[in-house]
Amino acid sequence: MIETVEAFVRSKFQDDTTGHDWHHIFRVRKLALHIAKQEDVDSLKVELIALLHDVIDDKLILDKDEAHQEVVSLLRNLGMQEKYIEDMIHIIENIGYKGGNGLDLQCMESRIVQDADRLDAIGAVGIARTFMYSGAKSQAMYDPDIPVRDSMSYEQYRKEKSTAINHFHEKLFLLKETLHTKAAKEIAEERHKYMENFVEQFMKEWNEI
């Protein structure tokens, strides 16, 4: 089952240049399974959610309905019951940040994967992924004339103009406080501090001389 799902996901993201490539999914799976060892959860469900967490994300795909049907067909072909499939679809459609307006998922397996996904958005890897995504979406590295948004709707989060540096203030610096598990919170401390130091140094160099 895992091999089939992995092959499906790899085929979708192997050529991604937005920071959501197969290596991102591999890291999220690895982190999620590490966290799962410290919780009383279904590790198979954790792994499946981790593998599939980006496949219906509208910032990465052209046709969300088509992607939805592909995942449903995949899970049906693996012999999963309809209720389990509905649950999986609900989770992977709502696991993202969505401008801070995402659902508070109650399933512990989904919370673990959400923590792992958010950990991969911060720290050194998170910094690299931020600039990759901004470049792929033709956003500026930084523009002092584009203000940081204090709050935003999901539509604004997706469509309004922003910058890579603004993204740290609008999302990445907020992620540490949204984590659910003790293990994720411990990992986040060092990564969060690294980001703070990076942005501080970036602004120092930007404004120097």
N, C-alpha and C. Protein backbone atom coordinates (compact mmCIF):
# COMPACT_ATOMS: atom_id res chain seq x y z
N MET A 1 0.83 -1.22 0.00
CA MET A 1 0.00 0.00 0.00
C MET A 1 0.86 1.27 0.00
N ILE A 2 1.84 1.30 0.91
CA ILE A 2 2.72 2.47 1.00
C ILE A 2 3.50 2.66 -0.28
N GLU A 3 4.01 1.57 -0.85
CA GLU A 3 4.78 1.66 -2.09
C GLU A 3 3.94 2.22 -3.23
N THR A 4 2.66 1.82 -3.30
CA THR A 4 1.76 2.31 -4.35
C THR A 4 1.50 3.81 -4.19
N VAL A 5 1.22 4.22 -2.97
CA VAL A 5 0.94 5.64 -2.70
C VAL A 5 2.21 6.47 -2.93
N GLU A 6 3.35 5.93 -2.50
CA GLU A 6 4.62 6.66 -2.70
C GLU A 6 4.89 6.86 -4.19
N ALA A 7 4.68 5.84 -4.99
CA ALA A 7 4.91 5.96 -6.44
C ALA A 7 3.99 7.00 -7.06
N PHE A 8 2.74 7.03 -6.62
CA PHE A 8 1.77 8.01 -7.10
C PHE A 8 2.22 9.43 -6.77
N VAL A 9 2.64 9.63 -5.53
CA VAL A 9 3.03 10.97 -5.09
C VAL A 9 4.33 11.41 -5.77
N ARG A 10 5.28 10.51 -5.87
CA ARG A 10 6.55 10.85 -6.53
C ARG A 10 6.31 11.30 -7.97
N SER A 11 5.38 10.65 -8.65
CA SER A 11 5.09 11.01 -10.04
C SER A 11 4.50 12.41 -10.15
N LYS A 12 3.83 12.86 -9.09
CA LYS A 12 3.21 14.19 -9.10
C LYS A 12 4.20 15.31 -8.77
N PHE A 13 5.18 15.03 -7.91
CA PHE A 13 6.01 16.10 -7.37
C PHE A 13 7.50 16.01 -7.69
N GLN A 14 7.89 15.05 -8.51
CA GLN A 14 9.33 14.87 -8.75
C GLN A 14 9.95 16.05 -9.50
N ASP A 15 9.14 16.81 -10.25
CA ASP A 15 9.68 17.94 -11.01
C ASP A 15 9.30 19.30 -10.41
N ASP A 16 8.78 19.29 -9.20
CA ASP A 16 8.35 20.54 -8.55
C ASP A 16 9.53 21.47 -8.29
N THR A 17 9.31 22.77 -8.51
CA THR A 17 10.36 23.76 -8.25
C THR A 17 9.87 24.85 -7.29
N THR A 18 8.84 24.55 -6.51
CA THR A 18 8.28 25.53 -5.57
C THR A 18 8.68 25.26 -4.12
N GLY A 19 9.49 24.21 -3.88
CA GLY A 19 9.81 23.83 -2.51
C GLY A 19 8.86 22.78 -1.97
N HIS A 20 7.97 22.27 -2.83
CA HIS A 20 7.02 21.23 -2.43
C HIS A 20 7.29 19.95 -3.22
N ASP A 21 8.56 19.67 -3.43
CA ASP A 21 8.95 18.51 -4.23
C ASP A 21 8.89 17.22 -3.41
N TRP A 22 9.31 16.11 -4.05
CA TRP A 22 9.27 14.82 -3.37
C TRP A 22 10.13 14.83 -2.11
N HIS A 23 11.24 15.56 -2.13
CA HIS A 23 12.12 15.58 -0.96
C HIS A 23 11.44 16.24 0.24
N HIS A 24 10.60 17.26 -0.02
CA HIS A 24 9.80 17.86 1.05
C HIS A 24 8.87 16.82 1.65
N ILE A 25 8.18 16.08 0.81
CA ILE A 25 7.24 15.06 1.28
C ILE A 25 7.98 13.97 2.04
N PHE A 26 9.15 13.59 1.55
CA PHE A 26 9.97 12.58 2.23
C PHE A 26 10.35 13.06 3.63
N ARG A 27 10.76 14.34 3.75
CA ARG A 27 11.14 14.88 5.06
C ARG A 27 9.95 14.93 6.00
N VAL A 28 8.79 15.34 5.49
CA VAL A 28 7.59 15.41 6.31
C VAL A 28 7.22 14.02 6.81
N ARG A 29 7.29 13.02 5.93
CA ARG A 29 6.98 11.65 6.35
C ARG A 29 7.95 11.21 7.46
N LYS A 30 9.22 11.47 7.25
CA LYS A 30 10.24 11.06 8.23
C LYS A 30 9.99 11.73 9.59
N LEU A 31 9.74 13.02 9.57
CA LEU A 31 9.47 13.76 10.81
C LEU A 31 8.19 13.27 11.47
N ALA A 32 7.15 13.05 10.67
CA ALA A 32 5.85 12.61 11.21
C ALA A 32 5.98 11.26 11.89
N LEU A 33 6.70 10.34 11.26
CA LEU A 33 6.88 9.01 11.85
C LEU A 33 7.73 9.08 13.12
N HIS A 34 8.69 10.00 13.15
CA HIS A 34 9.50 10.22 14.36
C HIS A 34 8.60 10.70 15.51
N ILE A 35 7.74 11.66 15.22
CA ILE A 35 6.83 12.19 16.24
C ILE A 35 5.83 11.12 16.67
N ALA A 36 5.35 10.33 15.70
CA ALA A 36 4.34 9.30 15.97
C ALA A 36 4.83 8.25 16.96
N LYS A 37 6.13 8.00 16.97
CA LYS A 37 6.69 7.01 17.90
C LYS A 37 6.47 7.41 19.36
N GLN A 38 6.26 8.71 19.57
CA GLN A 38 6.09 9.21 20.93
C GLN A 38 4.63 9.43 21.30
N GLU A 39 3.72 9.04 20.40
CA GLU A 39 2.28 9.20 20.62
C GLU A 39 1.58 7.86 20.37
N ASP A 40 0.40 7.70 20.97
CA ASP A 40 -0.39 6.48 20.78
C ASP A 40 -1.30 6.67 19.57
N VAL A 41 -0.75 6.40 18.38
CA VAL A 41 -1.48 6.67 17.14
C VAL A 41 -1.29 5.53 16.14
N ASP A 42 -2.05 5.59 15.05
CA ASP A 42 -1.96 4.64 13.94
C ASP A 42 -0.84 5.13 13.01
N SER A 43 0.31 4.47 13.05
CA SER A 43 1.46 4.95 12.27
C SER A 43 1.23 4.80 10.77
N LEU A 44 0.43 3.81 10.35
CA LEU A 44 0.12 3.67 8.93
C LEU A 44 -0.68 4.87 8.44
N LYS A 45 -1.64 5.30 9.23
CA LYS A 45 -2.45 6.47 8.86
C LYS A 45 -1.58 7.72 8.81
N VAL A 46 -0.67 7.85 9.75
CA VAL A 46 0.26 8.99 9.76
C VAL A 46 1.07 9.01 8.47
N GLU A 47 1.58 7.85 8.07
CA GLU A 47 2.42 7.79 6.88
C GLU A 47 1.62 8.10 5.62
N LEU A 48 0.40 7.60 5.53
CA LEU A 48 -0.44 7.88 4.37
C LEU A 48 -0.78 9.36 4.27
N ILE A 49 -1.13 9.96 5.39
CA ILE A 49 -1.45 11.40 5.39
C ILE A 49 -0.22 12.21 4.98
N ALA A 50 0.94 11.84 5.52
CA ALA A 50 2.17 12.55 5.19
C ALA A 50 2.48 12.47 3.70
N LEU A 51 2.30 11.30 3.13
CA LEU A 51 2.56 11.14 1.69
C LEU A 51 1.60 11.94 0.83
N LEU A 52 0.35 12.02 1.26
CA LEU A 52 -0.70 12.63 0.43
C LEU A 52 -1.00 14.09 0.78
N HIS A 53 -0.31 14.66 1.75
CA HIS A 53 -0.77 15.93 2.30
C HIS A 53 -0.77 17.10 1.32
N ASP A 54 -0.01 17.02 0.22
CA ASP A 54 0.05 18.13 -0.73
C ASP A 54 -0.69 17.87 -2.04
N VAL A 55 -1.29 16.69 -2.21
CA VAL A 55 -1.78 16.32 -3.54
C VAL A 55 -3.07 17.03 -3.95
N ILE A 56 -3.77 17.66 -3.00
CA ILE A 56 -4.98 18.41 -3.36
C ILE A 56 -4.83 19.88 -2.95
N ASP A 57 -3.61 20.34 -2.85
CA ASP A 57 -3.35 21.72 -2.45
C ASP A 57 -3.48 22.63 -3.67
N ASP A 58 -4.42 23.57 -3.61
CA ASP A 58 -4.73 24.38 -4.80
C ASP A 58 -3.61 25.34 -5.19
N LYS A 59 -2.61 25.54 -4.34
CA LYS A 59 -1.48 26.39 -4.76
C LYS A 59 -0.48 25.62 -5.62
N LEU A 60 -0.66 24.29 -5.67
CA LEU A 60 0.30 23.44 -6.38
C LEU A 60 -0.28 22.75 -7.60
N ILE A 61 -1.60 22.71 -7.73
CA ILE A 61 -2.23 21.97 -8.82
C ILE A 61 -3.13 22.88 -9.65
N LEU A 62 -3.39 22.47 -10.87
CA LEU A 62 -4.22 23.27 -11.76
C LEU A 62 -5.70 22.94 -11.61
N ASP A 63 -6.04 21.68 -11.40
CA ASP A 63 -7.43 21.23 -11.34
C ASP A 63 -7.65 20.47 -10.05
N LYS A 64 -8.24 21.13 -9.06
CA LYS A 64 -8.44 20.52 -7.75
C LYS A 64 -9.43 19.36 -7.81
N ASP A 65 -10.48 19.51 -8.60
CA ASP A 65 -11.48 18.45 -8.72
C ASP A 65 -10.86 17.18 -9.30
N GLU A 66 -10.04 17.35 -10.31
CA GLU A 66 -9.37 16.20 -10.91
C GLU A 66 -8.43 15.52 -9.92
N ALA A 67 -7.68 16.33 -9.17
CA ALA A 67 -6.77 15.79 -8.16
C ALA A 67 -7.53 15.04 -7.08
N HIS A 68 -8.68 15.60 -6.69
CA HIS A 68 -9.54 14.95 -5.69
C HIS A 68 -9.97 13.57 -6.17
N GLN A 69 -10.41 13.48 -7.40
CA GLN A 69 -10.87 12.20 -7.95
C GLN A 69 -9.73 11.20 -8.08
N GLU A 70 -8.56 11.68 -8.43
CA GLU A 70 -7.40 10.79 -8.54
C GLU A 70 -7.07 10.14 -7.21
N VAL A 71 -7.12 10.93 -6.14
CA VAL A 71 -6.82 10.40 -4.81
C VAL A 71 -7.89 9.41 -4.37
N VAL A 72 -9.15 9.76 -4.59
CA VAL A 72 -10.25 8.85 -4.24
C VAL A 72 -10.09 7.52 -4.97
N SER A 73 -9.80 7.57 -6.26
CA SER A 73 -9.62 6.35 -7.06
C SER A 73 -8.45 5.53 -6.54
N LEU A 74 -7.35 6.22 -6.20
CA LEU A 74 -6.18 5.54 -5.67
C LEU A 74 -6.52 4.77 -4.40
N LEU A 75 -7.21 5.43 -3.48
CA LEU A 75 -7.53 4.80 -2.20
C LEU A 75 -8.56 3.69 -2.35
N ARG A 76 -9.51 3.88 -3.27
CA ARG A 76 -10.48 2.81 -3.54
C ARG A 76 -9.79 1.58 -4.10
N ASN A 77 -8.85 1.80 -5.01
CA ASN A 77 -8.12 0.68 -5.61
C ASN A 77 -7.26 -0.06 -4.58
N LEU A 78 -6.96 0.61 -3.49
CA LEU A 78 -6.20 -0.03 -2.42
C LEU A 78 -7.11 -0.77 -1.44
N GLY A 79 -8.42 -0.72 -1.73
CA GLY A 79 -9.39 -1.45 -0.92
C GLY A 79 -9.86 -0.75 0.34
N MET A 80 -9.66 0.56 0.42
CA MET A 80 -10.09 1.29 1.61
C MET A 80 -11.59 1.53 1.59
N GLN A 81 -12.19 1.52 2.78
CA GLN A 81 -13.62 1.76 2.91
C GLN A 81 -13.93 3.23 2.66
N GLU A 82 -15.16 3.51 2.21
CA GLU A 82 -15.56 4.88 1.83
C GLU A 82 -15.42 5.85 3.00
N LYS A 83 -15.76 5.42 4.21
CA LYS A 83 -15.67 6.32 5.36
C LYS A 83 -14.21 6.71 5.63
N TYR A 84 -13.30 5.75 5.48
CA TYR A 84 -11.87 6.02 5.67
C TYR A 84 -11.37 6.98 4.60
N ILE A 85 -11.84 6.77 3.37
CA ILE A 85 -11.45 7.65 2.26
C ILE A 85 -11.94 9.07 2.51
N GLU A 86 -13.19 9.21 2.93
CA GLU A 86 -13.76 10.54 3.23
C GLU A 86 -12.93 11.23 4.31
N ASP A 87 -12.55 10.48 5.32
CA ASP A 87 -11.75 11.03 6.41
C ASP A 87 -10.39 11.50 5.90
N MET A 88 -9.75 10.69 5.07
CA MET A 88 -8.45 11.04 4.52
C MET A 88 -8.53 12.30 3.65
N ILE A 89 -9.55 12.37 2.81
CA ILE A 89 -9.73 13.54 1.93
C ILE A 89 -9.94 14.79 2.77
N HIS A 90 -10.77 14.69 3.79
CA HIS A 90 -11.03 15.84 4.67
C HIS A 90 -9.74 16.34 5.31
N ILE A 91 -8.92 15.41 5.75
CA ILE A 91 -7.65 15.77 6.40
C ILE A 91 -6.71 16.46 5.44
N ILE A 92 -6.46 15.84 4.29
CA ILE A 92 -5.44 16.41 3.39
C ILE A 92 -5.91 17.71 2.73
N GLU A 93 -7.22 17.92 2.68
CA GLU A 93 -7.72 19.20 2.15
C GLU A 93 -7.61 20.32 3.17
N ASN A 94 -7.49 19.97 4.44
CA ASN A 94 -7.54 21.00 5.49
C ASN A 94 -6.30 21.05 6.37
N ILE A 95 -5.25 20.35 5.98
CA ILE A 95 -4.06 20.27 6.82
C ILE A 95 -3.17 21.51 6.69
N GLY A 96 -3.35 22.27 5.61
CA GLY A 96 -2.50 23.43 5.34
C GLY A 96 -2.81 24.63 6.22
N TYR A 97 -1.95 25.63 6.14
CA TYR A 97 -2.05 26.83 6.98
C TYR A 97 -3.19 27.74 6.56
N LYS A 98 -3.34 27.96 5.26
CA LYS A 98 -4.44 28.74 4.68
C LYS A 98 -4.57 30.14 5.31
N GLY A 99 -3.44 30.80 5.44
CA GLY A 99 -3.46 32.15 5.97
C GLY A 99 -3.86 32.23 7.43
N GLY A 100 -3.67 31.12 8.15
CA GLY A 100 -4.07 31.08 9.55
C GLY A 100 -5.53 30.75 9.74
N ASN A 101 -6.24 30.46 8.64
CA ASN A 101 -7.67 30.22 8.71
C ASN A 101 -8.03 28.74 8.51
N GLY A 102 -7.04 27.87 8.67
CA GLY A 102 -7.29 26.44 8.51
C GLY A 102 -8.11 25.87 9.65
N LEU A 103 -8.62 24.65 9.45
CA LEU A 103 -9.39 23.98 10.48
C LEU A 103 -8.47 23.46 11.59
N ASP A 104 -9.02 23.37 12.80
CA ASP A 104 -8.31 22.72 13.90
C ASP A 104 -8.64 21.24 13.82
N LEU A 105 -7.80 20.48 13.17
CA LEU A 105 -8.05 19.06 12.97
C LEU A 105 -7.96 18.32 14.30
N GLN A 106 -8.95 17.48 14.58
CA GLN A 106 -9.01 16.79 15.86
C GLN A 106 -8.30 15.45 15.86
N CYS A 107 -8.17 14.82 14.70
CA CYS A 107 -7.51 13.52 14.58
C CYS A 107 -6.02 13.69 14.92
N MET A 108 -5.53 12.91 15.89
CA MET A 108 -4.14 13.08 16.33
C MET A 108 -3.16 12.76 15.21
N GLU A 109 -3.48 11.78 14.37
CA GLU A 109 -2.61 11.47 13.24
C GLU A 109 -2.44 12.67 12.32
N SER A 110 -3.54 13.39 12.07
CA SER A 110 -3.46 14.57 11.20
C SER A 110 -2.70 15.70 11.87
N ARG A 111 -2.83 15.82 13.18
CA ARG A 111 -2.09 16.86 13.90
C ARG A 111 -0.58 16.61 13.86
N ILE A 112 -0.21 15.33 13.93
CA ILE A 112 1.21 14.98 13.85
C ILE A 112 1.79 15.36 12.49
N VAL A 113 1.06 15.04 11.42
CA VAL A 113 1.55 15.39 10.08
C VAL A 113 1.56 16.90 9.90
N GLN A 114 0.55 17.58 10.43
CA GLN A 114 0.53 19.04 10.34
C GLN A 114 1.75 19.62 11.04
N ASP A 115 2.09 19.07 12.21
CA ASP A 115 3.29 19.53 12.92
C ASP A 115 4.54 19.30 12.06
N ALA A 116 4.65 18.11 11.46
CA ALA A 116 5.82 17.79 10.64
C ALA A 116 5.92 18.71 9.43
N ASP A 117 4.79 18.98 8.80
CA ASP A 117 4.76 19.87 7.64
C ASP A 117 5.18 21.28 8.03
N ARG A 118 4.74 21.74 9.19
CA ARG A 118 5.10 23.09 9.63
C ARG A 118 6.55 23.16 10.08
N LEU A 119 7.07 22.09 10.62
CA LEU A 119 8.49 22.07 10.95
C LEU A 119 9.35 22.21 9.70
N ASP A 120 8.90 21.63 8.60
CA ASP A 120 9.67 21.71 7.35
C ASP A 120 9.56 23.09 6.71
N ALA A 121 8.67 23.92 7.24
CA ALA A 121 8.50 25.29 6.73
C ALA A 121 9.36 26.29 7.49
N ILE A 122 10.03 25.83 8.57
CA ILE A 122 10.85 26.75 9.37
C ILE A 122 12.30 26.24 9.43
N GLY A 123 13.17 27.05 9.99
CA GLY A 123 14.58 26.68 10.05
C GLY A 123 15.28 26.93 8.72
N ALA A 124 16.46 26.35 8.56
CA ALA A 124 17.27 26.56 7.35
C ALA A 124 16.56 26.06 6.10
N VAL A 125 15.97 24.86 6.19
CA VAL A 125 15.23 24.33 5.04
C VAL A 125 14.03 25.21 4.73
N GLY A 126 13.36 25.66 5.76
CA GLY A 126 12.20 26.53 5.56
C GLY A 126 12.57 27.83 4.87
N ILE A 127 13.71 28.39 5.24
CA ILE A 127 14.18 29.61 4.59
C ILE A 127 14.41 29.36 3.10
N ALA A 128 15.10 28.26 2.80
CA ALA A 128 15.37 27.93 1.39
C ALA A 128 14.08 27.72 0.62
N ARG A 129 13.14 27.02 1.23
CA ARG A 129 11.86 26.75 0.57
C ARG A 129 11.08 28.04 0.34
N THR A 130 11.17 28.98 1.27
CA THR A 130 10.45 30.25 1.13
C THR A 130 10.92 31.01 -0.10
N PHE A 131 12.23 31.08 -0.29
CA PHE A 131 12.75 31.81 -1.45
C PHE A 131 12.51 31.05 -2.75
N MET A 132 12.52 29.72 -2.68
CA MET A 132 12.16 28.93 -3.87
C MET A 132 10.73 29.22 -4.30
N TYR A 133 9.82 29.20 -3.32
CA TYR A 133 8.41 29.41 -3.64
C TYR A 133 8.17 30.83 -4.16
N SER A 134 8.78 31.81 -3.51
CA SER A 134 8.60 33.19 -3.95
C SER A 134 9.12 33.39 -5.37
N GLY A 135 10.26 32.79 -5.68
CA GLY A 135 10.79 32.88 -7.04
C GLY A 135 9.88 32.21 -8.05
N ALA A 136 9.36 31.04 -7.69
CA ALA A 136 8.46 30.31 -8.60
C ALA A 136 7.18 31.09 -8.87
N LYS A 137 6.75 31.89 -7.88
CA LYS A 137 5.51 32.67 -8.01
C LYS A 137 5.77 34.12 -8.39
N SER A 138 6.99 34.41 -8.81
CA SER A 138 7.39 35.76 -9.27
C SER A 138 7.17 36.83 -8.20
N GLN A 139 7.41 36.47 -6.95
CA GLN A 139 7.33 37.44 -5.86
C GLN A 139 8.71 38.00 -5.56
N ALA A 140 8.75 39.23 -5.09
CA ALA A 140 10.02 39.86 -4.75
C ALA A 140 10.65 39.21 -3.53
N MET A 141 11.97 39.27 -3.47
CA MET A 141 12.67 38.82 -2.27
C MET A 141 12.26 39.71 -1.09
N TYR A 142 12.26 41.02 -1.32
CA TYR A 142 11.81 41.98 -0.32
C TYR A 142 11.50 43.29 -1.02
N ASP A 143 10.48 43.97 -0.56
CA ASP A 143 10.11 45.28 -1.09
C ASP A 143 9.53 46.10 0.06
N PRO A 144 10.26 47.12 0.52
CA PRO A 144 9.77 47.91 1.66
C PRO A 144 8.45 48.62 1.40
N ASP A 145 8.06 48.72 0.14
CA ASP A 145 6.78 49.36 -0.18
C ASP A 145 5.59 48.41 -0.08
N ILE A 146 5.86 47.13 0.12
CA ILE A 146 4.78 46.16 0.31
C ILE A 146 4.68 45.83 1.80
N PRO A 147 3.63 46.28 2.47
CA PRO A 147 3.55 46.12 3.93
C PRO A 147 3.24 44.69 4.34
N VAL A 148 3.69 44.34 5.54
CA VAL A 148 3.34 43.05 6.13
C VAL A 148 1.87 43.09 6.53
N ARG A 149 1.14 42.03 6.22
CA ARG A 149 -0.29 41.94 6.55
C ARG A 149 -0.46 41.34 7.94
N ASP A 150 -1.21 42.05 8.80
CA ASP A 150 -1.45 41.56 10.16
C ASP A 150 -2.48 40.43 10.18
N SER A 151 -3.45 40.51 9.30
CA SER A 151 -4.47 39.47 9.19
C SER A 151 -4.94 39.44 7.74
N MET A 152 -5.46 38.27 7.34
CA MET A 152 -5.89 38.15 5.94
C MET A 152 -6.85 36.99 5.80
N SER A 153 -7.70 37.09 4.79
CA SER A 153 -8.58 35.98 4.45
C SER A 153 -7.77 34.95 3.67
N TYR A 154 -8.37 33.79 3.43
CA TYR A 154 -7.71 32.76 2.64
C TYR A 154 -7.44 33.27 1.22
N GLU A 155 -8.40 33.99 0.65
CA GLU A 155 -8.23 34.54 -0.70
C GLU A 155 -7.08 35.55 -0.75
N GLN A 156 -7.01 36.41 0.26
CA GLN A 156 -5.92 37.38 0.32
C GLN A 156 -4.57 36.68 0.48
N TYR A 157 -4.53 35.65 1.31
CA TYR A 157 -3.30 34.90 1.54
C TYR A 157 -2.78 34.29 0.25
N ARG A 158 -3.71 33.81 -0.57
CA ARG A 158 -3.33 33.15 -1.81
C ARG A 158 -3.00 34.14 -2.94
N LYS A 159 -3.74 35.26 -3.02
CA LYS A 159 -3.72 36.07 -4.24
C LYS A 159 -3.10 37.46 -4.10
N GLU A 160 -3.05 38.02 -2.90
CA GLU A 160 -2.49 39.36 -2.76
C GLU A 160 -0.97 39.34 -2.90
N LYS A 161 -0.43 40.45 -3.33
CA LYS A 161 1.01 40.58 -3.53
C LYS A 161 1.73 40.59 -2.18
N SER A 162 2.81 39.84 -2.10
CA SER A 162 3.62 39.83 -0.89
C SER A 162 5.08 39.62 -1.28
N THR A 163 5.95 39.36 -0.30
CA THR A 163 7.36 39.11 -0.57
C THR A 163 7.84 37.95 0.29
N ALA A 164 9.02 37.44 -0.05
CA ALA A 164 9.59 36.34 0.72
C ALA A 164 9.81 36.76 2.18
N ILE A 165 10.37 37.94 2.40
CA ILE A 165 10.62 38.39 3.78
C ILE A 165 9.31 38.62 4.53
N ASN A 166 8.32 39.18 3.86
CA ASN A 166 7.02 39.35 4.52
C ASN A 166 6.45 38.02 4.99
N HIS A 167 6.72 36.95 4.23
CA HIS A 167 6.18 35.63 4.56
C HIS A 167 6.64 35.16 5.94
N PHE A 168 7.83 35.57 6.33
CA PHE A 168 8.30 35.19 7.67
C PHE A 168 7.38 35.78 8.74
N HIS A 169 7.00 37.05 8.56
CA HIS A 169 6.15 37.72 9.55
C HIS A 169 4.69 37.28 9.45
N GLU A 170 4.25 37.00 8.23
CA GLU A 170 2.84 36.66 8.01
C GLU A 170 2.52 35.21 8.33
N LYS A 171 3.53 34.34 8.32
CA LYS A 171 3.29 32.92 8.58
C LYS A 171 4.36 32.25 9.41
N LEU A 172 5.59 32.26 8.94
CA LEU A 172 6.61 31.38 9.51
C LEU A 172 6.92 31.64 10.98
N PHE A 173 6.96 32.92 11.38
CA PHE A 173 7.21 33.22 12.79
C PHE A 173 6.03 32.83 13.69
N LEU A 174 4.88 32.57 13.08
CA LEU A 174 3.68 32.22 13.85
C LEU A 174 3.53 30.71 14.06
N LEU A 175 4.26 29.92 13.28
CA LEU A 175 4.02 28.48 13.26
C LEU A 175 4.38 27.78 14.57
N LYS A 176 5.40 28.26 15.25
CA LYS A 176 5.85 27.60 16.49
C LYS A 176 4.71 27.48 17.50
N GLU A 177 3.86 28.51 17.54
CA GLU A 177 2.76 28.53 18.52
C GLU A 177 1.55 27.70 18.08
N THR A 178 1.58 27.17 16.88
CA THR A 178 0.45 26.37 16.39
C THR A 178 0.69 24.87 16.51
N LEU A 179 1.87 24.47 16.95
CA LEU A 179 2.22 23.06 16.99
C LEU A 179 1.49 22.34 18.13
N HIS A 180 1.21 21.05 17.91
CA HIS A 180 0.40 20.28 18.85
C HIS A 180 1.22 19.38 19.77
N THR A 181 2.30 18.80 19.26
CA THR A 181 3.00 17.76 20.00
C THR A 181 4.25 18.27 20.69
N LYS A 182 4.60 17.62 21.80
CA LYS A 182 5.78 18.01 22.57
C LYS A 182 7.04 17.86 21.73
N ALA A 183 7.13 16.77 20.98
CA ALA A 183 8.32 16.53 20.16
C ALA A 183 8.51 17.63 19.12
N ALA A 184 7.43 18.02 18.46
CA ALA A 184 7.51 19.07 17.43
C ALA A 184 7.90 20.41 18.05
N LYS A 185 7.35 20.71 19.21
CA LYS A 185 7.66 21.98 19.86
C LYS A 185 9.14 22.05 20.23
N GLU A 186 9.71 20.93 20.63
CA GLU A 186 11.13 20.90 20.98
C GLU A 186 12.01 21.13 19.75
N ILE A 187 11.65 20.48 18.65
CA ILE A 187 12.41 20.66 17.40
C ILE A 187 12.29 22.10 16.90
N ALA A 188 11.11 22.68 17.09
CA ALA A 188 10.84 24.02 16.55
C ALA A 188 11.67 25.12 17.19
N GLU A 189 12.08 24.94 18.44
CA GLU A 189 12.79 26.01 19.15
C GLU A 189 14.04 26.45 18.40
N GLU A 190 14.89 25.52 18.04
CA GLU A 190 16.14 25.86 17.34
C GLU A 190 15.85 26.43 15.96
N ARG A 191 14.90 25.82 15.26
CA ARG A 191 14.60 26.28 13.89
C ARG A 191 14.01 27.69 13.90
N HIS A 192 13.15 27.96 14.86
CA HIS A 192 12.53 29.29 14.96
C HIS A 192 13.61 30.35 15.22
N LYS A 193 14.50 30.06 16.14
CA LYS A 193 15.57 31.02 16.48
C LYS A 193 16.47 31.26 15.27
N TYR A 194 16.75 30.21 14.51
CA TYR A 194 17.58 30.35 13.31
C TYR A 194 16.94 31.30 12.32
N MET A 195 15.63 31.19 12.14
CA MET A 195 14.91 32.10 11.23
C MET A 195 14.96 33.53 11.72
N GLU A 196 14.76 33.72 13.02
CA GLU A 196 14.82 35.08 13.57
C GLU A 196 16.18 35.72 13.30
N ASN A 197 17.23 34.94 13.52
CA ASN A 197 18.59 35.46 13.28
C ASN A 197 18.81 35.78 11.81
N PHE A 198 18.27 34.93 10.94
CA PHE A 198 18.42 35.16 9.49
C PHE A 198 17.74 36.46 9.07
N VAL A 199 16.50 36.66 9.49
CA VAL A 199 15.77 37.86 9.08
C VAL A 199 16.41 39.11 9.67
N GLU A 200 16.89 39.00 10.90
CA GLU A 200 17.58 40.13 11.51
C GLU A 200 18.83 40.50 10.71
N GLN A 201 19.61 39.49 10.31
CA GLN A 201 20.82 39.74 9.52
C GLN A 201 20.48 40.27 8.13
N PHE A 202 19.41 39.72 7.53
CA PHE A 202 18.97 40.18 6.21
C PHE A 202 18.63 41.66 6.25
N MET A 203 17.85 42.09 7.24
CA MET A 203 17.44 43.49 7.33
C MET A 203 18.64 44.40 7.65
N LYS A 204 19.57 43.87 8.43
CA LYS A 204 20.78 44.65 8.73
C LYS A 204 21.55 44.92 7.44
N GLU A 205 21.73 43.89 6.62
CA GLU A 205 22.46 44.05 5.37
C GLU A 205 21.68 44.90 4.38
N TRP A 206 20.34 44.76 4.35
CA TRP A 206 19.52 45.54 3.44
C TRP A 206 19.63 47.03 3.73
N ASN A 207 19.71 47.38 5.02
CA ASN A 207 19.67 48.79 5.41
C ASN A 207 21.06 49.36 5.66
N GLU A 208 22.10 48.54 5.53
CA GLU A 208 23.45 49.00 5.82
C GLU A 208 23.94 49.99 4.75
N ILE A 209 24.68 50.96 5.17
CA ILE A 209 25.32 51.98 4.32
C ILE A 209 24.28 52.95 3.74
